[in-house]
Amino acid sequence: MLTVLDSLPEGLLEKKAHELHDILTGPTLIHLPGVKSNPLFVSVLLHGNETTGWEALKHYLLENYFFAKKLNEALPRAMSIFIGNISAARKHKRVLKGQLDYNRVWFNHPSDEGQMMGRILSQMKEKQVFASIDFHNNTGKNPHYACINRKEHDFFQLAHLFSRTVVYFIKPDTVQSMAFSKMCPAVTVECGQPEQKNGVQHAKNYIEKAMALGEFTNQPLRAEDFDLYHTMAIVKVPEQFAISFDPLNCSDINFDSDVDRLNFTALKDGESLAKTDPDKHVFLQAINEQGIDVAARYFDYSNGEIRTRIPVMPSMLTTTEEIIRQDCLCYLMEKIDMCVS
């Protein structure tokens, strides 16, 4: 299932994400040499329609890898690249019907995909991986931000190179960054919506900064340099409820067409999130870090509306039903103080 290469295939960097199948037969791990031997690991296209990471990586390599080779030199640091769900990228989809989510199978998953991720982790452990970056996009409107799974100096340093907005989470725990966090500083970076030039440029600049890093230091970063949030729950819409983002459409749950404007906004208690069919017992699920549904703590369903019961901040709200069904409606966060473990 996994192809492992030690050089870039000819013509690879000329391809858009949906064209990679012309050259690659499937998920591919590419090891490139560098002056510093312990590599930066970069994963792109774990979700096939999240293309910013691939575009940024292409631009970085076109400007640096081939230039270095022309001068008979190497990259400043070795780099290992994992190009993930190429078949989904071909169809401009997050994941194809019947496929597993490539960012939910990185820990003890009894599947071919899980075995593939285990093989990647073993290779990177052997290579003494320096740090890991997993690139993603959002379908809804969000700022660019970084996610970490451990509150340690080097994790904060790696995240801060990308954004002052940092989200700490421990669920879901089968994601790429969680798996790599057991070996090295690891981040997930959210680069806004796909196909945006500023997202590609930001991601490319971040790769350059990470590749130029010498070593991580124990020098503390200042709390005022961060807006740090903790993900408290994942919100899902039960499959039996129809949803709509059209105020004229009478579904079980009717969200505003621009509900994603609320991402990273501090909502007060009593704020309306959606209208509901008053003849149905409509509810959401909000699964916390312990796997318990705590929706009753966050949501009130009175008078044909879904309202917040307590102050909360959503992230990754989307108006794309396919993503809601495949993943979730949003995450609920609270702002926390920086406290290093």
Protein backbone atom coordinates (compact mmCIF):
# COMPACT_ATOMS: atom_id res chain seq x y z
CA MET A 1 0.00 0.00 0.00
CA LEU A 2 2.92 2.36 0.75
CA THR A 3 5.61 3.33 -1.77
CA VAL A 4 8.92 4.51 -0.28
CA LEU A 5 11.33 6.59 -2.39
CA ASP A 6 14.66 8.31 -1.78
CA SER A 7 14.27 10.99 -4.45
CA LEU A 8 11.55 13.05 -6.08
CA PRO A 9 10.02 11.40 -9.17
CA GLU A 10 10.53 13.43 -12.33
CA GLY A 11 7.67 15.82 -12.96
CA LEU A 12 6.13 15.40 -9.49
CA LEU A 13 6.42 19.08 -8.59
CA GLU A 14 4.60 20.09 -11.75
CA LYS A 15 1.42 18.37 -10.61
CA LYS A 16 -1.58 19.76 -8.78
CA ALA A 17 -2.96 17.56 -6.01
CA HIS A 18 -5.66 16.06 -8.24
CA GLU A 19 -3.02 15.13 -10.84
CA LEU A 20 -0.62 13.26 -8.55
CA HIS A 21 -2.14 9.93 -9.58
CA ASP A 22 -0.44 10.44 -12.97
CA ILE A 23 2.93 9.79 -11.27
CA LEU A 24 2.25 8.15 -7.90
CA THR A 25 0.40 4.86 -7.55
CA GLY A 26 -0.81 5.56 -4.03
CA PRO A 27 0.36 6.84 -0.62
CA THR A 28 4.04 7.69 -0.92
CA LEU A 29 6.84 8.39 1.57
CA ILE A 30 9.84 10.26 0.13
CA HIS A 31 13.12 10.66 2.04
CA LEU A 32 15.35 13.56 0.93
CA PRO A 33 18.88 14.08 2.30
CA GLY A 34 20.04 17.21 4.07
CA VAL A 35 22.99 18.75 5.91
CA LYS A 36 21.41 17.83 9.26
CA SER A 37 20.54 14.16 9.07
CA ASN A 38 17.58 13.96 11.44
CA PRO A 39 14.66 14.88 9.21
CA LEU A 40 11.71 17.18 9.35
CA PHE A 41 8.63 15.08 8.64
CA VAL A 42 5.94 16.75 6.54
CA SER A 43 2.59 15.14 5.75
CA VAL A 44 0.20 16.50 3.16
CA LEU A 45 -3.12 15.38 1.69
CA LEU A 46 -4.17 13.14 4.56
CA HIS A 47 -7.47 14.60 3.41
CA GLY A 48 -7.56 14.67 -0.37
CA ASN A 49 -9.28 18.05 -0.76
CA GLU A 50 -6.96 19.90 1.63
CA THR A 51 -4.36 21.00 -0.87
CA THR A 52 -2.53 23.96 0.68
CA GLY A 53 0.18 21.80 2.23
CA TRP A 54 1.03 20.19 -1.11
CA GLU A 55 1.12 23.53 -2.94
CA ALA A 56 3.35 25.05 -0.25
CA LEU A 57 5.68 22.05 -0.26
CA LYS A 58 5.93 22.19 -4.06
CA HIS A 59 6.96 25.85 -3.98
CA TYR A 60 9.49 25.25 -1.22
CA LEU A 61 11.13 22.34 -3.02
CA LEU A 62 11.15 24.08 -6.40
CA GLU A 63 12.98 27.02 -4.85
CA ASN A 64 15.33 25.07 -2.58
CA TYR A 65 15.78 21.40 -3.44
CA PHE A 66 16.64 21.74 -7.12
CA PHE A 67 18.66 24.90 -6.49
CA ALA A 68 20.73 23.02 -3.90
CA LYS A 69 21.23 20.08 -6.27
CA LYS A 70 22.40 22.44 -9.01
CA LEU A 71 25.09 23.73 -6.64
CA ASN A 72 25.91 20.16 -5.58
CA GLU A 73 24.57 20.97 -2.13
CA ALA A 74 21.80 19.60 0.08
CA LEU A 75 18.81 20.94 1.91
CA PRO A 76 19.66 22.46 5.32
CA ARG A 77 18.02 19.46 6.93
CA ALA A 78 16.83 16.09 5.70
CA MET A 79 13.13 16.00 4.91
CA SER A 80 10.71 13.08 4.85
CA ILE A 81 7.48 13.73 2.96
CA PHE A 82 4.31 11.68 3.21
CA ILE A 83 1.79 12.30 0.41
CA GLY A 84 -1.39 10.69 1.67
CA ASN A 85 -4.77 10.12 0.06
CA ILE A 86 -3.96 10.53 -3.62
CA SER A 87 -7.09 8.73 -4.81
CA ALA A 88 -9.32 11.12 -2.84
CA ALA A 89 -7.29 14.09 -4.09
CA ARG A 90 -7.98 12.93 -7.65
CA LYS A 91 -11.71 13.38 -6.98
CA HIS A 92 -11.29 16.59 -4.91
CA LYS A 93 -12.71 14.72 -1.90
CA ARG A 94 -11.70 14.60 1.75
CA VAL A 95 -12.11 10.82 1.68
CA LEU A 96 -13.73 8.48 -0.82
CA LYS A 97 -16.78 6.39 0.05
CA GLY A 98 -15.62 3.21 1.74
CA GLN A 99 -12.20 4.64 2.64
CA LEU A 100 -10.89 5.22 6.14
CA ASP A 101 -9.95 8.75 7.17
CA TYR A 102 -6.15 8.94 6.82
CA ASN A 103 -5.96 11.16 9.89
CA ARG A 104 -7.80 8.75 12.20
CA VAL A 105 -5.70 5.59 11.83
CA TRP A 106 -2.32 6.45 13.35
CA PHE A 107 -2.59 4.50 16.58
CA ASN A 108 -3.21 0.76 16.88
CA HIS A 109 -5.72 0.69 14.04
CA PRO A 110 -6.50 -2.85 12.77
CA SER A 111 -6.50 -2.01 9.07
CA ASP A 112 -4.17 -1.85 6.08
CA GLU A 113 -4.09 1.92 6.55
CA GLY A 114 -3.18 1.53 10.21
CA GLN A 115 -0.35 -0.85 9.30
CA MET A 116 0.89 1.67 6.74
CA MET A 117 1.00 4.45 9.31
CA GLY A 118 2.80 2.12 11.71
CA ARG A 119 5.42 1.44 9.04
CA ILE A 120 5.91 5.18 8.55
CA LEU A 121 6.29 5.75 12.29
CA SER A 122 8.88 2.97 12.53
CA GLN A 123 10.95 4.44 9.71
CA MET A 124 10.82 7.93 11.21
CA LYS A 125 11.78 6.65 14.66
CA GLU A 126 14.77 4.90 13.09
CA LYS A 127 15.75 8.14 11.35
CA GLN A 128 15.45 10.06 14.67
CA VAL A 129 12.89 12.48 13.33
CA PHE A 130 13.51 16.10 14.36
CA ALA A 131 9.94 17.42 14.20
CA SER A 132 6.65 16.74 12.45
CA ILE A 133 4.22 19.04 10.63
CA ASP A 134 0.85 17.87 9.35
CA PHE A 135 -0.82 20.33 6.95
CA HIS A 136 -4.58 20.76 6.79
CA ASN A 137 -7.32 23.09 5.57
CA ASN A 138 -10.77 23.98 6.90
CA THR A 139 -13.98 24.13 4.89
CA GLY A 140 -15.38 26.90 7.10
CA LYS A 141 -13.95 30.32 7.85
CA ASN A 142 -11.18 30.05 10.45
CA PRO A 143 -7.96 31.91 11.19
CA HIS A 144 -4.68 30.15 10.50
CA TYR A 145 -3.72 28.27 13.65
CA ALA A 146 -1.57 25.46 15.00
CA CYS A 147 -2.62 22.47 17.12
CA ILE A 148 -0.50 20.64 19.67
CA ASN A 149 -1.09 17.56 21.83
CA ARG A 150 1.52 18.22 24.51
CA LYS A 151 2.12 21.45 26.45
CA GLU A 152 5.91 21.44 26.30
CA HIS A 153 8.44 24.13 25.32
CA ASP A 154 9.49 22.60 22.00
CA PHE A 155 5.86 21.99 20.97
CA PHE A 156 5.01 25.61 21.74
CA GLN A 157 8.08 26.79 19.81
CA LEU A 158 7.16 24.78 16.74
CA ALA A 159 3.55 25.99 16.90
CA HIS A 160 4.51 29.64 17.45
CA LEU A 161 6.58 29.64 14.27
CA PHE A 162 3.25 29.30 12.45
CA SER A 163 0.77 31.31 14.50
CA ARG A 164 0.14 32.92 17.88
CA THR A 165 -3.22 31.09 17.84
CA VAL A 166 -2.64 27.61 19.27
CA VAL A 167 -5.16 24.89 20.11
CA TYR A 168 -4.33 22.11 22.56
CA PHE A 169 -6.28 18.86 22.20
CA ILE A 170 -5.99 15.20 23.16
CA LYS A 171 -9.06 13.84 21.34
CA PRO A 172 -9.28 12.41 18.77
CA ASP A 173 -6.14 10.53 19.79
CA THR A 174 -5.60 8.58 16.56
CA VAL A 175 -4.40 11.56 14.53
CA GLN A 176 -0.97 12.01 12.96
CA SER A 177 0.28 14.67 15.36
CA MET A 178 -0.61 12.59 18.41
CA ALA A 179 1.34 9.63 17.07
CA PHE A 180 4.41 11.73 16.28
CA SER A 181 4.22 13.58 19.62
CA LYS A 182 5.56 10.44 21.26
CA MET A 183 8.80 10.84 19.25
CA CYS A 184 9.33 14.54 18.57
CA PRO A 185 7.70 17.97 18.64
CA ALA A 186 4.64 17.70 16.42
CA VAL A 187 1.98 20.10 15.20
CA THR A 188 -1.07 20.14 13.00
CA VAL A 189 -1.34 23.42 11.13
CA GLU A 190 -4.67 24.67 9.82
CA CYS A 191 -4.09 26.90 6.80
CA GLY A 192 -7.56 28.32 6.21
CA GLN A 193 -9.57 27.29 3.19
CA PRO A 194 -7.93 25.53 0.20
CA GLU A 195 -6.86 27.37 -2.95
CA GLN A 196 -6.06 30.62 -1.13
CA LYS A 197 -2.73 32.20 -2.07
CA ASN A 198 -2.10 33.64 1.37
CA GLY A 199 -2.53 30.18 2.89
CA VAL A 200 0.01 28.66 0.50
CA GLN A 201 2.49 31.46 1.12
CA HIS A 202 2.08 31.20 4.89
CA ALA A 203 2.58 27.43 4.79
CA LYS A 204 5.64 27.73 2.53
CA ASN A 205 7.20 30.33 4.85
CA TYR A 206 6.55 27.99 7.76
CA ILE A 207 8.36 25.12 6.06
CA GLU A 208 11.34 27.42 5.47
CA LYS A 209 11.42 28.42 9.15
CA ALA A 210 11.13 24.84 10.36
CA MET A 211 13.85 23.64 8.00
CA ALA A 212 16.16 26.42 9.20
CA LEU A 213 15.74 25.50 12.88
CA GLY A 214 18.90 24.28 14.54
CA GLU A 215 17.66 22.77 17.76
CA PHE A 216 14.79 23.46 20.12
CA THR A 217 15.64 25.30 23.31
CA ASN A 218 14.28 25.18 26.84
CA GLN A 219 13.92 28.94 26.90
CA PRO A 220 10.30 29.62 27.92
CA LEU A 221 8.04 31.50 25.57
CA ARG A 222 5.93 34.28 27.03
CA ALA A 223 2.26 33.68 27.75
CA GLU A 224 1.42 36.99 26.08
CA ASP A 225 2.80 35.63 22.80
CA PHE A 226 -0.05 33.12 22.57
CA ASP A 227 -3.78 32.84 22.31
CA LEU A 228 -4.06 29.33 23.70
CA TYR A 229 -7.26 27.29 23.56
CA HIS A 230 -8.22 23.86 24.83
CA THR A 231 -10.62 21.70 22.83
CA MET A 232 -13.27 20.48 25.26
CA ALA A 233 -15.69 18.60 23.01
CA ILE A 234 -16.37 17.45 19.45
CA VAL A 235 -19.87 18.32 18.24
CA LYS A 236 -21.67 15.95 15.90
CA VAL A 237 -25.11 15.95 14.28
CA PRO A 238 -26.86 12.60 14.80
CA GLU A 239 -27.41 10.97 11.42
CA GLN A 240 -31.19 10.76 11.81
CA PHE A 241 -31.54 14.56 11.60
CA ALA A 242 -31.68 16.42 8.28
CA ILE A 243 -29.77 19.70 8.23
CA SER A 244 -29.89 22.81 6.08
CA PHE A 245 -28.04 26.09 5.68
CA ASP A 246 -30.92 27.70 3.80
CA PRO A 247 -33.29 29.71 6.04
CA LEU A 248 -36.14 29.01 3.60
CA ASN A 249 -35.66 25.24 3.83
CA CYS A 250 -37.54 23.52 6.64
CA SER A 251 -35.17 20.80 7.84
CA ASP A 252 -34.84 19.23 11.26
CA ILE A 253 -31.98 21.65 11.99
CA ASN A 254 -31.60 24.92 10.09
CA PHE A 255 -28.28 26.70 10.51
CA ASP A 256 -27.55 30.19 9.22
CA SER A 257 -25.88 30.16 5.81
CA ASP A 258 -22.84 31.85 7.38
CA VAL A 259 -22.73 30.04 10.71
CA ASP A 260 -18.98 29.57 10.21
CA ARG A 261 -18.57 33.30 10.96
CA LEU A 262 -18.75 32.22 14.62
CA ASN A 263 -15.45 30.31 14.52
CA PHE A 264 -13.00 31.55 17.16
CA THR A 265 -15.69 33.91 18.47
CA ALA A 266 -16.46 34.00 22.19
CA LEU A 267 -20.16 33.16 22.37
CA LYS A 268 -22.19 34.16 25.40
CA ASP A 269 -24.81 31.93 26.96
CA GLY A 270 -28.14 32.11 25.16
CA GLU A 271 -26.77 32.73 21.65
CA SER A 272 -28.71 31.06 18.85
CA LEU A 273 -26.93 28.52 16.66
CA ALA A 274 -29.85 27.09 14.67
CA LYS A 275 -33.61 26.86 14.26
CA THR A 276 -35.22 23.44 14.71
CA ASP A 277 -38.38 21.62 13.75
CA PRO A 278 -40.59 22.11 16.83
CA ASP A 279 -42.37 18.81 16.13
CA LYS A 280 -39.18 16.78 16.52
CA HIS A 281 -37.00 16.04 19.52
CA VAL A 282 -33.82 17.46 18.00
CA PHE A 283 -30.45 17.32 19.75
CA LEU A 284 -26.71 17.47 19.10
CA GLN A 285 -23.92 15.31 20.47
CA ALA A 286 -20.90 16.85 22.19
CA ILE A 287 -18.29 14.22 23.05
CA ASN A 288 -15.68 15.28 25.62
CA GLU A 289 -12.14 14.00 26.15
CA GLN A 290 -13.43 11.10 28.25
CA GLY A 291 -15.79 9.98 25.46
CA ILE A 292 -18.90 11.17 27.34
CA ASP A 293 -21.72 13.05 25.63
CA VAL A 294 -21.92 16.39 27.46
CA ALA A 295 -24.22 18.21 25.02
CA ALA A 296 -26.67 19.02 27.83
CA ARG A 297 -23.96 21.19 29.40
CA TYR A 298 -23.52 23.28 26.24
CA PHE A 299 -26.86 23.41 24.42
CA ASP A 300 -30.48 24.34 25.14
CA TYR A 301 -33.22 23.23 22.73
CA SER A 302 -36.17 25.32 23.91
CA ASN A 303 -38.65 27.17 21.67
CA GLY A 304 -37.52 25.69 18.36
CA GLU A 305 -33.90 26.82 18.62
CA ILE A 306 -30.50 25.48 19.57
CA ARG A 307 -28.87 28.00 21.91
CA THR A 308 -25.68 28.01 23.93
CA ARG A 309 -26.24 27.21 27.59
CA ILE A 310 -22.84 28.50 28.75
CA PRO A 311 -20.14 30.75 27.22
CA VAL A 312 -18.11 28.80 24.68
CA MET A 313 -15.93 29.27 21.58
CA PRO A 314 -16.44 27.10 18.47
CA SER A 315 -13.85 26.23 15.87
CA MET A 316 -14.06 24.49 12.50
CA LEU A 317 -17.78 25.18 12.08
CA THR A 318 -18.55 24.36 8.47
CA THR A 319 -21.45 24.84 6.09
CA THR A 320 -20.54 21.75 4.07
CA GLU A 321 -22.87 18.89 4.96
CA GLU A 322 -20.55 16.22 3.56
CA ILE A 323 -17.81 17.25 5.99
CA ILE A 324 -20.28 17.34 8.90
CA ARG A 325 -21.35 13.79 8.12
CA GLN A 326 -17.81 12.50 7.58
CA ASP A 327 -16.24 14.30 10.55
CA CYS A 328 -18.12 16.76 12.76
CA LEU A 329 -20.06 20.02 12.95
CA CYS A 330 -17.41 21.79 15.02
CA TYR A 331 -15.23 21.70 18.11
CA LEU A 332 -15.92 23.59 21.35
CA MET A 333 -13.00 25.31 23.04
CA GLU A 334 -12.14 27.41 26.06
CA LYS A 335 -9.27 29.82 26.42
CA ILE A 336 -6.60 28.69 28.86
CA ASP A 337 -3.38 30.02 30.32
CA MET A 338 -0.08 28.77 29.00
CA CYS A 339 1.25 26.17 31.44
CA VAL A 340 4.20 24.06 30.34
CA SER A 341 4.24 20.43 31.43
